[in-house]
Amino acid sequence: MPAAEEIDGDVFVSPVYLAGSTYTGDPALRPLLGAGFTIVYDDLANAYLASPDQKVQVGWLPEGENGCLWRITGHERPLAPPLWLATFDHYTPVEVVAAFTTALAGGGSVSPSASKTAPLLALDEAGWRTNHRSYVSTSQPPDRLALVSYVHRQLDHQDEINDLRSRWTVSGGASGYSSEWLGTFTTHTPTHLITATMNRLTDPAPVPRYKEFVPERNRSAARITPVKPPAPSPLDVQRAAVARSRSTVPRTVSPPPALVYRTTTAAPGTASARHR
């Protein structure tokens, strides 16, 4: 396989946590719109979505005031204070966010689940190494370029909703600006939504990127392969053959008629004869 530096244009990248952002929200917004979420925009082009029952609100905030691009809240009833909060920053791969929103759009309870640490099992099954301590449990893949943390101690609910503390944090990428990303989930975030995110995080399936969007610090550790052009269809092959036949068959060109020069002897009485 050619080195990452030698590859240009469209590429496939794996694992997803090293792929970087695509700087578009469409793949994560599409499942919600398909599930009947309404959407409005402000003057800065930030998007705000609400579920049909108004119990889930999603903000896609490219012009937000802090580093939070995605802010997703669940509520016990419309207009009630948030029960839980999930966030993703600007550099989070959109496929990771889409895993969360797809599970959210698929239905199921938006209330807290009984099994709090179930998402860690998904990481264990994928070969990540989990370390349990009294204060926090952490899990990392073999390359140690992603990290999931679960805090065991009691957290203040209002601090969590204000995004000052988080029960769960998930991050990936080499340390540095734009290469490292962060997501958070508060205590009452439904477990099946977090588990869906972890399953995508550990999925080895590559994701498409334009090579320049893959953070430079992540390229040496990521598996990067060029996107091969699609195989030509039978019609494409036929058209190419016709084009080649038109360009390679020599054309028969009739030569111009030869010029015939005649020598004429002037007859007696003509001008030439008189001059002589």
Protein backbone atom coordinates (compact mmCIF):
# COMPACT_ATOMS: atom_id res chain seq x y z
CA MET A 1 0.00 0.00 0.00
CA PRO A 2 1.43 3.45 -0.86
CA ALA A 3 2.39 5.73 2.00
CA ALA A 4 -0.22 8.22 3.17
CA GLU A 5 1.91 11.08 1.85
CA GLU A 6 1.75 9.60 -1.65
CA ILE A 7 -2.04 9.35 -1.70
CA ASP A 8 -4.05 12.30 -2.92
CA GLY A 9 -7.71 13.06 -3.46
CA ASP A 10 -10.50 10.88 -2.07
CA VAL A 11 -9.48 8.19 0.42
CA PHE A 12 -10.88 5.66 2.87
CA VAL A 13 -9.78 6.01 6.51
CA SER A 14 -9.89 3.57 9.40
CA PRO A 15 -10.39 3.60 12.36
CA VAL A 16 -13.07 6.25 12.38
CA TYR A 17 -11.71 8.00 15.47
CA LEU A 18 -8.66 9.07 13.43
CA ALA A 19 -10.58 10.23 10.36
CA GLY A 20 -11.16 13.84 11.39
CA SER A 21 -14.19 16.00 10.72
CA THR A 22 -15.96 16.49 7.40
CA TYR A 23 -17.23 19.91 8.58
CA THR A 24 -20.78 19.05 7.56
CA GLY A 25 -23.69 17.93 9.71
CA ASP A 26 -25.88 16.31 7.04
CA PRO A 27 -25.13 12.63 7.80
CA ALA A 28 -26.10 13.12 11.46
CA LEU A 29 -29.08 15.38 10.77
CA ARG A 30 -30.62 13.16 8.08
CA PRO A 31 -31.81 10.35 10.44
CA LEU A 32 -33.58 12.89 12.65
CA LEU A 33 -35.34 14.60 9.76
CA GLY A 34 -36.39 11.18 8.48
CA ALA A 35 -37.94 10.48 11.90
CA GLY A 36 -40.10 13.60 11.74
CA PHE A 37 -37.95 16.06 13.67
CA THR A 38 -38.72 19.67 12.77
CA ILE A 39 -35.88 22.07 11.96
CA VAL A 40 -35.44 25.84 12.09
CA TYR A 41 -32.40 28.03 11.46
CA ASP A 42 -31.25 31.25 13.05
CA ASP A 43 -29.62 34.18 11.25
CA LEU A 44 -26.18 32.57 11.68
CA ALA A 45 -27.25 29.29 10.05
CA ASN A 46 -27.26 27.35 13.32
CA ALA A 47 -29.88 24.58 13.14
CA TYR A 48 -32.34 23.65 15.90
CA LEU A 49 -34.35 20.44 15.76
CA ALA A 50 -37.15 19.06 17.93
CA SER A 51 -38.70 15.59 18.04
CA PRO A 52 -42.40 15.18 17.21
CA ASP A 53 -43.22 14.87 20.93
CA GLN A 54 -40.92 17.82 21.78
CA LYS A 55 -39.01 15.70 24.32
CA VAL A 56 -35.69 15.75 22.43
CA GLN A 57 -33.94 18.88 21.20
CA VAL A 58 -30.87 18.96 18.99
CA GLY A 59 -28.69 21.94 18.23
CA TRP A 60 -26.16 21.92 15.37
CA LEU A 61 -24.19 25.06 16.17
CA PRO A 62 -21.36 25.83 13.71
CA GLU A 63 -21.57 29.46 14.84
CA GLY A 64 -21.98 28.68 18.54
CA GLU A 65 -20.14 30.65 21.19
CA ASN A 66 -18.16 27.74 22.63
CA GLY A 67 -16.46 24.67 21.19
CA CYS A 68 -19.65 22.62 21.22
CA LEU A 69 -20.92 21.85 17.71
CA TRP A 70 -23.63 19.39 18.73
CA ARG A 71 -25.82 19.88 21.81
CA ILE A 72 -28.52 17.24 22.30
CA THR A 73 -30.91 17.25 25.27
CA GLY A 74 -33.66 14.94 26.50
CA HIS A 75 -36.65 16.11 28.52
CA GLU A 76 -39.31 14.33 30.59
CA ARG A 77 -41.99 16.54 29.01
CA PRO A 78 -42.06 19.48 26.59
CA LEU A 79 -40.52 22.67 27.96
CA ALA A 80 -39.25 20.88 31.08
CA PRO A 81 -35.60 21.36 32.13
CA PRO A 82 -33.20 18.93 30.45
CA LEU A 83 -32.97 15.45 31.94
CA TRP A 84 -29.76 14.62 30.07
CA LEU A 85 -27.22 16.21 27.76
CA ALA A 86 -24.92 14.88 25.03
CA THR A 87 -22.32 17.02 23.26
CA PHE A 88 -19.77 16.67 20.45
CA ASP A 89 -17.19 19.25 19.46
CA HIS A 90 -16.29 20.59 15.99
CA TYR A 91 -13.62 17.96 15.29
CA THR A 92 -15.70 14.87 16.08
CA PRO A 93 -16.05 12.57 13.04
CA VAL A 94 -19.61 12.98 11.83
CA GLU A 95 -20.03 9.19 11.64
CA VAL A 96 -19.68 9.00 15.43
CA VAL A 97 -22.39 11.63 15.87
CA ALA A 98 -24.57 9.91 13.26
CA ALA A 99 -24.44 6.68 15.26
CA PHE A 100 -25.93 8.54 18.22
CA THR A 101 -28.59 10.39 16.20
CA THR A 102 -29.54 7.25 14.25
CA ALA A 103 -30.19 5.40 17.50
CA LEU A 104 -32.10 8.43 18.76
CA ALA A 105 -34.22 8.55 15.61
CA GLY A 106 -34.87 4.81 15.84
CA GLY A 107 -37.05 5.26 18.91
CA GLY A 108 -36.76 3.63 22.29
CA SER A 109 -36.93 5.31 25.64
CA VAL A 110 -35.18 8.64 26.16
CA SER A 111 -35.22 7.99 29.90
CA PRO A 112 -32.20 6.66 31.83
CA SER A 113 -31.42 2.97 31.55
CA ALA A 114 -30.73 0.61 34.44
CA SER A 115 -27.35 -0.67 33.27
CA LYS A 116 -25.01 2.31 33.43
CA THR A 117 -21.77 0.65 32.35
CA ALA A 118 -23.14 -1.47 29.47
CA PRO A 119 -21.33 0.66 26.85
CA LEU A 120 -18.01 -0.49 28.28
CA LEU A 121 -18.91 -4.07 27.37
CA ALA A 122 -19.08 -3.09 23.70
CA LEU A 123 -15.52 -1.80 23.99
CA ASP A 124 -14.33 -4.94 25.76
CA GLU A 125 -15.80 -7.13 23.02
CA ALA A 126 -13.93 -5.11 20.40
CA GLY A 127 -10.58 -5.75 22.09
CA TRP A 128 -10.24 -2.45 23.91
CA ARG A 129 -8.52 -2.56 27.28
CA THR A 130 -10.62 -1.38 30.21
CA ASN A 131 -9.07 -0.32 33.49
CA HIS A 132 -11.39 0.00 36.50
CA ARG A 133 -10.44 2.29 39.37
CA SER A 134 -12.41 3.49 42.36
CA TYR A 135 -13.01 6.92 40.84
CA VAL A 136 -13.11 6.23 37.11
CA SER A 137 -13.09 3.44 34.54
CA THR A 138 -11.20 4.02 31.29
CA SER A 139 -11.02 2.07 28.06
CA GLN A 140 -8.58 2.40 25.15
CA PRO A 141 -7.93 0.60 21.85
CA PRO A 142 -4.56 -1.08 21.20
CA ASP A 143 -3.14 2.05 19.50
CA ARG A 144 -4.14 4.16 22.55
CA LEU A 145 -5.40 6.96 20.27
CA ALA A 146 -8.93 6.96 21.66
CA LEU A 147 -10.19 7.10 25.24
CA VAL A 148 -13.54 6.46 26.91
CA SER A 149 -13.96 7.44 30.56
CA TYR A 150 -16.77 6.68 33.00
CA VAL A 151 -16.84 8.52 36.35
CA HIS A 152 -18.15 6.50 39.29
CA ARG A 153 -18.62 9.15 41.94
CA GLN A 154 -21.75 11.24 42.44
CA LEU A 155 -22.02 14.27 40.15
CA ASP A 156 -24.19 17.32 40.55
CA HIS A 157 -27.00 17.20 38.00
CA GLN A 158 -26.99 20.92 37.32
CA ASP A 159 -23.24 20.93 36.78
CA GLU A 160 -23.70 18.20 34.20
CA ILE A 161 -26.51 19.98 32.37
CA ASN A 162 -24.37 23.14 32.32
CA ASP A 163 -21.59 21.05 30.74
CA LEU A 164 -19.24 21.58 33.68
CA ARG A 165 -18.99 17.85 34.52
CA SER A 166 -19.80 14.69 32.58
CA ARG A 167 -20.40 11.08 33.54
CA TRP A 168 -19.00 9.90 30.20
CA THR A 169 -16.29 11.38 28.01
CA VAL A 170 -15.16 9.97 24.68
CA SER A 171 -12.23 11.29 22.69
CA GLY A 172 -10.01 10.29 19.81
CA GLY A 173 -7.09 11.39 17.68
CA ALA A 174 -3.53 12.37 18.39
CA SER A 175 -3.12 15.22 20.83
CA GLY A 176 -3.24 18.60 19.13
CA TYR A 177 -5.44 21.25 17.57
CA SER A 178 -8.04 19.82 15.13
CA SER A 179 -6.68 16.28 15.37
CA GLU A 180 -8.21 15.51 18.79
CA TRP A 181 -11.97 15.53 19.37
CA LEU A 182 -14.29 15.20 22.36
CA GLY A 183 -17.81 14.02 23.14
CA THR A 184 -19.65 13.91 26.49
CA PHE A 185 -22.73 12.22 27.96
CA THR A 186 -24.35 13.08 31.29
CA THR A 187 -25.51 10.55 33.87
CA HIS A 188 -29.07 10.14 32.61
CA THR A 189 -28.26 9.83 28.90
CA PRO A 190 -30.03 6.65 27.68
CA THR A 191 -27.54 3.80 27.66
CA HIS A 192 -28.58 2.48 24.25
CA LEU A 193 -27.60 5.79 22.67
CA ILE A 194 -24.13 5.66 24.25
CA THR A 195 -23.74 2.01 23.28
CA ALA A 196 -24.59 2.80 19.66
CA THR A 197 -21.87 5.43 19.69
CA MET A 198 -19.33 2.99 21.13
CA ASN A 199 -20.23 0.36 18.54
CA ARG A 200 -19.47 2.83 15.75
CA LEU A 201 -16.29 3.90 17.48
CA THR A 202 -14.99 0.32 17.41
CA ASP A 203 -16.33 -0.57 13.95
CA PRO A 204 -13.33 -1.20 11.62
CA ALA A 205 -15.31 -0.19 8.52
CA PRO A 206 -13.45 2.68 6.80
CA VAL A 207 -15.05 6.05 6.17
CA PRO A 208 -14.61 8.27 3.10
CA ARG A 209 -12.63 11.47 3.33
CA TYR A 210 -10.85 13.96 1.14
CA LYS A 211 -7.23 13.38 2.13
CA GLU A 212 -6.64 16.97 3.22
CA PHE A 213 -9.43 16.61 5.81
CA VAL A 214 -7.57 13.81 7.62
CA PRO A 215 -5.62 15.52 10.45
CA GLU A 216 -1.91 15.41 9.70
CA ARG A 217 -1.06 14.14 13.20
CA ASN A 218 -3.38 11.16 12.69
CA ARG A 219 -2.18 10.04 9.26
CA SER A 220 0.77 7.90 10.32
CA ALA A 221 -1.42 5.79 12.64
CA ALA A 222 -4.49 5.59 10.40
CA ARG A 223 -5.07 3.11 7.59
CA ILE A 224 -5.49 5.25 4.50
CA THR A 225 -6.24 3.80 1.07
CA PRO A 226 -7.20 5.53 -2.18
CA VAL A 227 -10.76 5.36 -3.43
CA LYS A 228 -10.68 3.25 -6.58
CA PRO A 229 -12.78 4.49 -9.48
CA PRO A 230 -15.85 2.35 -10.19
CA ALA A 231 -15.48 -0.51 -12.67
CA PRO A 232 -16.76 0.46 -16.12
CA SER A 233 -20.16 -0.87 -17.11
CA PRO A 234 -20.64 -2.88 -20.35
CA LEU A 235 -22.06 0.27 -21.95
CA ASP A 236 -18.94 2.23 -20.91
CA VAL A 237 -16.74 -0.47 -22.47
CA GLN A 238 -18.76 -0.39 -25.71
CA ARG A 239 -18.57 3.38 -25.95
CA ALA A 240 -14.81 3.31 -25.35
CA ALA A 241 -14.34 0.70 -28.08
CA VAL A 242 -16.31 2.79 -30.55
CA ALA A 243 -14.28 5.86 -29.67
CA ARG A 244 -11.01 3.98 -30.17
CA SER A 245 -12.14 2.63 -33.54
CA ARG A 246 -12.93 6.12 -34.73
CA SER A 247 -9.55 7.44 -33.71
CA THR A 248 -7.30 4.57 -34.94
CA VAL A 249 -8.75 3.40 -38.29
CA PRO A 250 -6.92 5.28 -41.08
CA ARG A 251 -9.09 7.21 -43.42
CA THR A 252 -8.72 6.77 -47.24
CA VAL A 253 -8.15 10.15 -48.80
CA SER A 254 -8.25 10.51 -52.57
CA PRO A 255 -5.19 12.35 -53.85
CA PRO A 256 -5.81 15.57 -55.74
CA PRO A 257 -5.90 15.19 -59.53
CA ALA A 258 -2.49 15.48 -61.13
CA LEU A 259 -1.82 18.66 -63.04
CA VAL A 260 -1.20 17.92 -66.76
CA TYR A 261 0.95 20.39 -68.63
CA ARG A 262 0.53 20.42 -72.45
CA THR A 263 2.92 21.96 -74.94
CA THR A 264 0.93 23.56 -77.75
CA THR A 265 2.31 24.48 -81.19
CA ALA A 266 0.73 27.60 -82.49
CA ALA A 267 -1.10 27.16 -85.77
CA PRO A 268 -0.15 29.29 -88.81
CA GLY A 269 -1.88 32.61 -88.70
CA THR A 270 -2.04 32.83 -84.96
CA ALA A 271 -0.45 35.64 -83.01
CA SER A 272 2.64 33.60 -82.29
CA ALA A 273 3.12 32.77 -85.91
CA ARG A 274 2.75 36.39 -86.94
CA HIS A 275 5.43 37.47 -84.40
CA ARG A 276 7.77 34.94 -85.85
